[in-house]
Amino acid sequence: MSEFLHYYILFQNHTDATAMYRTLKKKSVYAQISPTPRELSVCCGVSLLIHGEDVETIKAIAAEDGLNYLSIDGLNNTFDNTRHKYG
């Protein structure tokens, strides 16, 4: 599943984003905290940037661990490393 340049997990709130991020890191799945692109949503403002090939794995982890998220969406946006990550 890699038809888009970037994939984002969108959340209702920062708490859900943090829980997902910590779980993915523990399971050695790539995730980067990122501002939510406005083209996708005006949700809580925090999303996770992930690899497209990990989408199905992440959905399974979320279901297994009871993690909440709004959606996983792809976007063909220009990536600006100074804007699209916190750190």
PDB file of N, CA and C in Angstrom:
ATOM      1  N   MET A   1       0.851  -1.187   0.000  1.00  0.00           N
ATOM      2  CA  MET A   1       0.000   0.000   0.000  1.00  0.00           C
ATOM      3  C   MET A   1       0.890   1.242   0.000  1.00  0.00           C
ATOM      4  N   SER A   2       1.316   1.695  -1.142  1.00  0.00           N
ATOM      5  CA  SER A   2       2.172   2.876  -1.207  1.00  0.00           C
ATOM      6  C   SER A   2       1.825   3.744  -2.404  1.00  0.00           C
ATOM      7  N   GLU A   3       0.567   4.041  -2.566  1.00  0.00           N
ATOM      8  CA  GLU A   3       0.167   4.858  -3.707  1.00  0.00           C
ATOM      9  C   GLU A   3       0.319   6.347  -3.441  1.00  0.00           C
ATOM     10  N   PHE A   4       0.530   6.715  -2.168  1.00  0.00           N
ATOM     11  CA  PHE A   4       0.745   8.112  -1.800  1.00  0.00           C
ATOM     12  C   PHE A   4       2.185   8.307  -1.350  1.00  0.00           C
ATOM     13  N   LEU A   5       2.635   9.537  -1.369  1.00  0.00           N
ATOM     14  CA  LEU A   5       3.987   9.844  -0.909  1.00  0.00           C
ATOM     15  C   LEU A   5       4.112   9.712   0.602  1.00  0.00           C
ATOM     16  N   HIS A   6       3.087  10.158   1.320  1.00  0.00           N
ATOM     17  CA  HIS A   6       3.133  10.156   2.780  1.00  0.00           C
ATOM     18  C   HIS A   6       1.825   9.625   3.351  1.00  0.00           C
ATOM     19  N   TYR A   7       1.925   8.948   4.482  1.00  0.00           N
ATOM     20  CA  TYR A   7       0.756   8.449   5.189  1.00  0.00           C
ATOM     21  C   TYR A   7       0.741   9.008   6.604  1.00  0.00           C
ATOM     22  N   TYR A   8      -0.449   9.406   7.047  1.00  0.00           N
ATOM     23  CA  TYR A   8      -0.623  10.008   8.361  1.00  0.00           C
ATOM     24  C   TYR A   8      -1.728   9.292   9.125  1.00  0.00           C
ATOM     25  N   ILE A   9      -1.500   9.106  10.422  1.00  0.00           N
ATOM     26  CA  ILE A   9      -2.563   8.631  11.309  1.00  0.00           C
ATOM     27  C   ILE A   9      -3.127   9.878  11.977  1.00  0.00           C
ATOM     28  N   LEU A  10      -4.446  10.057  11.875  1.00  0.00           N
ATOM     29  CA  LEU A  10      -5.119  11.215  12.456  1.00  0.00           C
ATOM     30  C   LEU A  10      -5.833  10.812  13.742  1.00  0.00           C
ATOM     31  N   PHE A  11      -5.872  11.741  14.695  1.00  0.00           N
ATOM     32  CA  PHE A  11      -6.403  11.453  16.026  1.00  0.00           C
ATOM     33  C   PHE A  11      -7.396  12.510  16.469  1.00  0.00           C
ATOM     34  N   GLN A  12      -8.249  12.117  17.386  1.00  0.00           N
ATOM     35  CA  GLN A  12      -9.201  13.031  18.013  1.00  0.00           C
ATOM     36  C   GLN A  12      -8.500  13.938  19.021  1.00  0.00           C
ATOM     37  N   ASN A  13      -7.454  13.395  19.677  1.00  0.00           N
ATOM     38  CA  ASN A  13      -6.768  14.177  20.702  1.00  0.00           C
ATOM     39  C   ASN A  13      -5.305  13.756  20.830  1.00  0.00           C
ATOM     40  N   HIS A  14      -4.556  14.578  21.522  1.00  0.00           N
ATOM     41  CA  HIS A  14      -3.126  14.368  21.706  1.00  0.00           C
ATOM     42  C   HIS A  14      -2.845  13.093  22.510  1.00  0.00           C
ATOM     43  N   THR A  15      -3.700  12.777  23.465  1.00  0.00           N
ATOM     44  CA  THR A  15      -3.518  11.586  24.299  1.00  0.00           C
ATOM     45  C   THR A  15      -3.525  10.311  23.453  1.00  0.00           C
ATOM     46  N   ASP A  16      -4.459  10.209  22.516  1.00  0.00           N
ATOM     47  CA  ASP A  16      -4.520   9.039  21.637  1.00  0.00           C
ATOM     48  C   ASP A  16      -3.284   8.964  20.743  1.00  0.00           C
ATOM     49  N   ALA A  17      -2.828  10.112  20.261  1.00  0.00           N
ATOM     50  CA  ALA A  17      -1.634  10.147  19.409  1.00  0.00           C
ATOM     51  C   ALA A  17      -0.411   9.672  20.177  1.00  0.00           C
ATOM     52  N   THR A  18      -0.272  10.132  21.402  1.00  0.00           N
ATOM     53  CA  THR A  18       0.866   9.748  22.231  1.00  0.00           C
ATOM     54  C   THR A  18       0.842   8.252  22.550  1.00  0.00           C
ATOM     55  N   ALA A  19      -0.333   7.726  22.859  1.00  0.00           N
ATOM     56  CA  ALA A  19      -0.457   6.291  23.152  1.00  0.00           C
ATOM     57  C   ALA A  19      -0.061   5.456  21.935  1.00  0.00           C
ATOM     58  N   MET A  20      -0.521   5.850  20.758  1.00  0.00           N
ATOM     59  CA  MET A  20      -0.181   5.120  19.533  1.00  0.00           C
ATOM     60  C   MET A  20       1.320   5.210  19.266  1.00  0.00           C
ATOM     61  N   TYR A  21       1.886   6.389  19.395  1.00  0.00           N
ATOM     62  CA  TYR A  21       3.308   6.593  19.144  1.00  0.00           C
ATOM     63  C   TYR A  21       4.143   5.688  20.048  1.00  0.00           C
ATOM     64  N   ARG A  22       3.848   5.687  21.324  1.00  0.00           N
ATOM     65  CA  ARG A  22       4.608   4.867  22.277  1.00  0.00           C
ATOM     66  C   ARG A  22       4.491   3.378  21.959  1.00  0.00           C
ATOM     67  N   THR A  23       3.302   2.946  21.624  1.00  0.00           N
ATOM     68  CA  THR A  23       3.095   1.529  21.304  1.00  0.00           C
ATOM     69  C   THR A  23       3.853   1.142  20.045  1.00  0.00           C
ATOM     70  N   LEU A  24       3.778   1.962  19.009  1.00  0.00           N
ATOM     71  CA  LEU A  24       4.486   1.650  17.767  1.00  0.00           C
ATOM     72  C   LEU A  24       5.990   1.607  17.992  1.00  0.00           C
ATOM     73  N   LYS A  25       6.512   2.531  18.780  1.00  0.00           N
ATOM     74  CA  LYS A  25       7.945   2.534  19.074  1.00  0.00           C
ATOM     75  C   LYS A  25       8.360   1.262  19.813  1.00  0.00           C
ATOM     76  N   LYS A  26       7.554   0.834  20.776  1.00  0.00           N
ATOM     77  CA  LYS A  26       7.848  -0.395  21.520  1.00  0.00           C
ATOM     78  C   LYS A  26       7.866  -1.607  20.604  1.00  0.00           C
ATOM     79  N   LYS A  27       7.049  -1.563  19.544  1.00  0.00           N
ATOM     80  CA  LYS A  27       6.951  -2.685  18.619  1.00  0.00           C
ATOM     81  C   LYS A  27       7.849  -2.492  17.393  1.00  0.00           C
ATOM     82  N   SER A  28       8.736  -1.496  17.467  1.00  0.00           N
ATOM     83  CA  SER A  28       9.716  -1.216  16.405  1.00  0.00           C
ATOM     84  C   SER A  28       9.074  -0.914  15.054  1.00  0.00           C
ATOM     85  N   VAL A  29       7.941  -0.214  15.075  1.00  0.00           N
ATOM     86  CA  VAL A  29       7.278   0.233  13.848  1.00  0.00           C
ATOM     87  C   VAL A  29       7.554   1.728  13.710  1.00  0.00           C
ATOM     88  N   TYR A  30       7.998   2.154  12.537  1.00  0.00           N
ATOM     89  CA  TYR A  30       8.334   3.561  12.311  1.00  0.00           C
ATOM     90  C   TYR A  30       7.111   4.453  12.489  1.00  0.00           C
ATOM     91  N   ALA A  31       7.305   5.526  13.252  1.00  0.00           N
ATOM     92  CA  ALA A  31       6.292   6.572  13.395  1.00  0.00           C
ATOM     93  C   ALA A  31       7.016   7.846  13.804  1.00  0.00           C
ATOM     94  N   GLN A  32       6.591   8.942  13.226  1.00  0.00           N
ATOM     95  CA  GLN A  32       7.177  10.246  13.528  1.00  0.00           C
ATOM     96  C   GLN A  32       6.046  11.198  13.871  1.00  0.00           C
ATOM     97  N   ILE A  33       6.142  11.872  15.000  1.00  0.00           N
ATOM     98  CA  ILE A  33       5.129  12.850  15.377  1.00  0.00           C
ATOM     99  C   ILE A  33       5.215  14.021  14.415  1.00  0.00           C
ATOM    100  N   SER A  34       4.059  14.436  13.906  1.00  0.00           N
ATOM    101  CA  SER A  34       4.015  15.461  12.867  1.00  0.00           C
ATOM    102  C   SER A  34       2.768  16.328  13.029  1.00  0.00           C
ATOM    103  N   PRO A  35       2.852  17.592  12.651  1.00  0.00           N
ATOM    104  CA  PRO A  35       1.619  18.390  12.587  1.00  0.00           C
ATOM    105  C   PRO A  35       0.682  17.765  11.546  1.00  0.00           C
ATOM    106  N   THR A  36      -0.594  17.817  11.796  1.00  0.00           N
ATOM    107  CA  THR A  36      -1.559  17.280  10.848  1.00  0.00           C
ATOM    108  C   THR A  36      -1.669  18.194   9.637  1.00  0.00           C
ATOM    109  N   PRO A  37      -1.444  17.661   8.440  1.00  0.00           N
ATOM    110  CA  PRO A  37      -1.612  18.500   7.246  1.00  0.00           C
ATOM    111  C   PRO A  37      -3.060  18.988   7.144  1.00  0.00           C
ATOM    112  N   ARG A  38      -3.260  20.245   6.927  1.00  0.00           N
ATOM    113  CA  ARG A  38      -4.614  20.819   6.857  1.00  0.00           C
ATOM    114  C   ARG A  38      -5.403  20.284   5.675  1.00  0.00           C
ATOM    115  N   GLU A  39      -4.714  19.721   4.688  1.00  0.00           N
ATOM    116  CA  GLU A  39      -5.410  19.101   3.556  1.00  0.00           C
ATOM    117  C   GLU A  39      -6.188  17.864   4.008  1.00  0.00           C
ATOM    118  N   LEU A  40      -5.766  17.274   5.130  1.00  0.00           N
ATOM    119  CA  LEU A  40      -6.418  16.058   5.617  1.00  0.00           C
ATOM    120  C   LEU A  40      -7.442  16.320   6.702  1.00  0.00           C
ATOM    121  N   SER A  41      -7.133  17.234   7.618  1.00  0.00           N
ATOM    122  CA  SER A  41      -8.033  17.423   8.749  1.00  0.00           C
ATOM    123  C   SER A  41      -7.632  18.643   9.566  1.00  0.00           C
ATOM    124  N   VAL A  42      -8.562  19.101  10.346  1.00  0.00           N
ATOM    125  CA  VAL A  42      -8.267  20.126  11.342  1.00  0.00           C
ATOM    126  C   VAL A  42      -8.515  19.515  12.728  1.00  0.00           C
ATOM    127  N   CYS A  43      -8.219  18.222  12.838  1.00  0.00           N
ATOM    128  CA  CYS A  43      -8.419  17.521  14.104  1.00  0.00           C
ATOM    129  C   CYS A  43      -7.497  18.108  15.162  1.00  0.00           C
ATOM    130  N   CYS A  44      -7.001  17.337  16.071  1.00  0.00           N
ATOM    131  CA  CYS A  44      -6.263  17.855  17.219  1.00  0.00           C
ATOM    132  C   CYS A  44      -4.958  18.545  16.846  1.00  0.00           C
ATOM    133  N   GLY A  45      -4.504  18.417  15.619  1.00  0.00           N
ATOM    134  CA  GLY A  45      -3.287  19.098  15.191  1.00  0.00           C
ATOM    135  C   GLY A  45      -2.048  18.234  15.222  1.00  0.00           C
ATOM    136  N   VAL A  46      -2.134  17.080  15.881  1.00  0.00           N
ATOM    137  CA  VAL A  46      -0.998  16.167  15.944  1.00  0.00           C
ATOM    138  C   VAL A  46      -1.369  14.890  15.199  1.00  0.00           C
ATOM    139  N   SER A  47      -0.468  14.448  14.357  1.00  0.00           N
ATOM    140  CA  SER A  47      -0.659  13.183  13.652  1.00  0.00           C
ATOM    141  C   SER A  47       0.641  12.395  13.720  1.00  0.00           C
ATOM    142  N   LEU A  48       0.600  11.182  13.226  1.00  0.00           N
ATOM    143  CA  LEU A  48       1.817  10.390  13.109  1.00  0.00           C
ATOM    144  C   LEU A  48       2.087  10.138  11.639  1.00  0.00           C
ATOM    145  N   LEU A  49       3.273  10.440  11.222  1.00  0.00           N
ATOM    146  CA  LEU A  49       3.732  10.153   9.872  1.00  0.00           C
ATOM    147  C   LEU A  49       4.275   8.732   9.894  1.00  0.00           C
ATOM    148  N   ILE A  50       3.787   7.892   8.992  1.00  0.00           N
ATOM    149  CA  ILE A  50       4.166   6.480   8.977  1.00  0.00           C
ATOM    150  C   ILE A  50       4.548   6.055   7.562  1.00  0.00           C
ATOM    151  N   HIS A  51       5.103   4.857   7.446  1.00  0.00           N
ATOM    152  CA  HIS A  51       5.392   4.291   6.129  1.00  0.00           C
ATOM    153  C   HIS A  51       4.149   3.604   5.580  1.00  0.00           C
ATOM    154  N   GLY A  52       3.892   3.774   4.300  1.00  0.00           N
ATOM    155  CA  GLY A  52       2.728   3.179   3.660  1.00  0.00           C
ATOM    156  C   GLY A  52       2.669   1.673   3.803  1.00  0.00           C
ATOM    157  N   GLU A  53       3.826   1.016   3.764  1.00  0.00           N
ATOM    158  CA  GLU A  53       3.844  -0.447   3.867  1.00  0.00           C
ATOM    159  C   GLU A  53       3.503  -0.950   5.272  1.00  0.00           C
ATOM    160  N   ASP A  54       3.432  -0.029   6.250  1.00  0.00           N
ATOM    161  CA  ASP A  54       3.099  -0.422   7.625  1.00  0.00           C
ATOM    162  C   ASP A  54       1.625  -0.219   7.979  1.00  0.00           C
ATOM    163  N   VAL A  55       0.823   0.283   7.062  1.00  0.00           N
ATOM    164  CA  VAL A  55      -0.571   0.624   7.385  1.00  0.00           C
ATOM    165  C   VAL A  55      -1.340  -0.568   7.942  1.00  0.00           C
ATOM    166  N   GLU A  56      -1.302  -1.701   7.283  1.00  0.00           N
ATOM    167  CA  GLU A  56      -2.071  -2.868   7.753  1.00  0.00           C
ATOM    168  C   GLU A  56      -1.549  -3.374   9.093  1.00  0.00           C
ATOM    169  N   THR A  57      -0.247  -3.350   9.282  1.00  0.00           N
ATOM    170  CA  THR A  57       0.345  -3.744  10.560  1.00  0.00           C
ATOM    171  C   THR A  57      -0.127  -2.823  11.673  1.00  0.00           C
ATOM    172  N   ILE A  58      -0.143  -1.521  11.406  1.00  0.00           N
ATOM    173  CA  ILE A  58      -0.573  -0.544  12.405  1.00  0.00           C
ATOM    174  C   ILE A  58      -2.047  -0.706  12.738  1.00  0.00           C
ATOM    175  N   LYS A  59      -2.866  -0.967  11.746  1.00  0.00           N
ATOM    176  CA  LYS A  59      -4.294  -1.209  12.013  1.00  0.00           C
ATOM    177  C   LYS A  59      -4.464  -2.425  12.923  1.00  0.00           C
ATOM    178  N   ALA A  60      -3.691  -3.465  12.676  1.00  0.00           N
ATOM    179  CA  ALA A  60      -3.776  -4.679  13.505  1.00  0.00           C
ATOM    180  C   ALA A  60      -3.308  -4.389  14.930  1.00  0.00           C
ATOM    181  N   ILE A  61      -2.221  -3.653  15.079  1.00  0.00           N
ATOM    182  CA  ILE A  61      -1.720  -3.291  16.409  1.00  0.00           C
ATOM    183  C   ILE A  61      -2.757  -2.459  17.150  1.00  0.00           C
ATOM    184  N   ALA A  62      -3.360  -1.495  16.466  1.00  0.00           N
ATOM    185  CA  ALA A  62      -4.366  -0.634  17.102  1.00  0.00           C
ATOM    186  C   ALA A  62      -5.552  -1.458  17.586  1.00  0.00           C
ATOM    187  N   ALA A  63      -6.013  -2.390  16.775  1.00  0.00           N
ATOM    188  CA  ALA A  63      -7.149  -3.240  17.165  1.00  0.00           C
ATOM    189  C   ALA A  63      -6.767  -4.137  18.346  1.00  0.00           C
ATOM    190  N   GLU A  64      -5.598  -4.712  18.264  1.00  0.00           N
ATOM    191  CA  GLU A  64      -5.112  -5.627  19.295  1.00  0.00           C
ATOM    192  C   GLU A  64      -4.919  -4.925  20.646  1.00  0.00           C
ATOM    193  N   ASP A  65      -4.409  -3.694  20.599  1.00  0.00           N
ATOM    194  CA  ASP A  65      -4.082  -2.963  21.828  1.00  0.00           C
ATOM    195  C   ASP A  65      -5.154  -1.955  22.238  1.00  0.00           C
ATOM    196  N   GLY A  66      -6.258  -1.889  21.499  1.00  0.00           N
ATOM    197  CA  GLY A  66      -7.340  -0.968  21.835  1.00  0.00           C
ATOM    198  C   GLY A  66      -6.963   0.493  21.691  1.00  0.00           C
ATOM    199  N   LEU A  67      -6.160   0.807  20.680  1.00  0.00           N
ATOM    200  CA  LEU A  67      -5.722   2.185  20.448  1.00  0.00           C
ATOM    201  C   LEU A  67      -6.717   2.907  19.543  1.00  0.00           C
ATOM    202  N   ASN A  68      -7.014   4.146  19.871  1.00  0.00           N
ATOM    203  CA  ASN A  68      -7.979   4.942  19.112  1.00  0.00           C
ATOM    204  C   ASN A  68      -7.294   5.847  18.093  1.00  0.00           C
ATOM    205  N   TYR A  69      -7.886   5.918  16.910  1.00  0.00           N
ATOM    206  CA  TYR A  69      -7.457   6.877  15.887  1.00  0.00           C
ATOM    207  C   TYR A  69      -8.654   7.166  14.998  1.00  0.00           C
ATOM    208  N   LEU A  70      -8.617   8.324  14.337  1.00  0.00           N
ATOM    209  CA  LEU A  70      -9.724   8.695  13.450  1.00  0.00           C
ATOM    210  C   LEU A  70      -9.615   8.011  12.102  1.00  0.00           C
ATOM    211  N   SER A  71      -8.427   8.089  11.497  1.00  0.00           N
ATOM    212  CA  SER A  71      -8.224   7.490  10.182  1.00  0.00           C
ATOM    213  C   SER A  71      -6.735   7.425   9.875  1.00  0.00           C
ATOM    214  N   ILE A  72      -6.431   6.664   8.842  1.00  0.00           N
ATOM    215  CA  ILE A  72      -5.081   6.643   8.276  1.00  0.00           C
ATOM    216  C   ILE A  72      -5.255   7.089   6.836  1.00  0.00           C
ATOM    217  N   ASP A  73      -4.644   8.215   6.503  1.00  0.00           N
ATOM    218  CA  ASP A  73      -4.839   8.813   5.186  1.00  0.00           C
ATOM    219  C   ASP A  73      -3.513   9.064   4.484  1.00  0.00           C
ATOM    220  N   GLY A  74      -3.550   8.927   3.166  1.00  0.00           N
ATOM    221  CA  GLY A  74      -2.388   9.219   2.357  1.00  0.00           C
ATOM    222  C   GLY A  74      -2.511  10.587   1.723  1.00  0.00           C
ATOM    223  N   LEU A  75      -1.354  11.166   1.433  1.00  0.00           N
ATOM    224  CA  LEU A  75      -1.327  12.507   0.854  1.00  0.00           C
ATOM    225  C   LEU A  75      -0.085  12.648  -0.014  1.00  0.00           C
ATOM    226  N   ASN A  76      -0.232  13.244  -1.159  1.00  0.00           N
ATOM    227  CA  ASN A  76       0.902  13.537  -2.034  1.00  0.00           C
ATOM    228  C   ASN A  76       1.357  14.966  -1.828  1.00  0.00           C
ATOM    229  N   ASN A  77       1.756  15.260  -0.605  1.00  0.00           N
ATOM    230  CA  ASN A  77       2.210  16.611  -0.288  1.00  0.00           C
ATOM    231  C   ASN A  77       3.725  16.706  -0.365  1.00  0.00           C
ATOM    232  N   THR A  78       4.212  17.920  -0.458  1.00  0.00           N
ATOM    233  CA  THR A  78       5.642  18.162  -0.407  1.00  0.00           C
ATOM    234  C   THR A  78       6.060  18.107   1.051  1.00  0.00           C
ATOM    235  N   PHE A  79       7.060  17.307   1.342  1.00  0.00           N
ATOM    236  CA  PHE A  79       7.495  17.124   2.723  1.00  0.00           C
ATOM    237  C   PHE A  79       8.571  18.139   3.068  1.00  0.00           C
ATOM    238  N   ASP A  80       8.343  18.870   4.137  1.00  0.00           N
ATOM    239  CA  ASP A  80       9.298  19.850   4.633  1.00  0.00           C
ATOM    240  C   ASP A  80       9.735  19.375   6.012  1.00  0.00           C
ATOM    241  N   ASN A  81      10.948  18.859   6.115  1.00  0.00           N
ATOM    242  CA  ASN A  81      11.422  18.262   7.355  1.00  0.00           C
ATOM    243  C   ASN A  81      11.432  19.254   8.523  1.00  0.00           C
ATOM    244  N   THR A  82      11.501  20.546   8.246  1.00  0.00           N
ATOM    245  CA  THR A  82      11.486  21.527   9.335  1.00  0.00           C
ATOM    246  C   THR A  82      10.065  21.822   9.793  1.00  0.00           C
ATOM    247  N   ARG A  83       9.081  21.521   8.973  1.00  0.00           N
ATOM    248  CA  ARG A  83       7.679  21.772   9.330  1.00  0.00           C
ATOM    249  C   ARG A  83       6.942  20.516   9.763  1.00  0.00           C
ATOM    250  N   HIS A  84       7.261  19.396   9.141  1.00  0.00           N
ATOM    251  CA  HIS A  84       6.459  18.193   9.311  1.00  0.00           C
ATOM    252  C   HIS A  84       6.919  17.249  10.412  1.00  0.00           C
ATOM    253  N   LYS A  85       7.767  17.710  11.288  1.00  0.00           N
ATOM    254  CA  LYS A  85       8.093  16.872  12.440  1.00  0.00           C
ATOM    255  C   LYS A  85       8.385  17.752  13.642  1.00  0.00           C
ATOM    256  N   TYR A  86       8.118  17.179  14.789  1.00  0.00           N
ATOM    257  CA  TYR A  86       8.462  17.847  16.044  1.00  0.00           C
ATOM    258  C   TYR A  86       9.766  17.234  16.511  1.00  0.00           C
ATOM    259  N   GLY A  87      10.568  18.013  17.138  1.00  0.00           N
ATOM    260  CA  GLY A  87      11.727  17.329  17.622  1.00  0.00           C
ATOM    261  C   GLY A  87      12.798  18.164  18.072  1.00  0.00           C
TER     262      GLY A  87
END
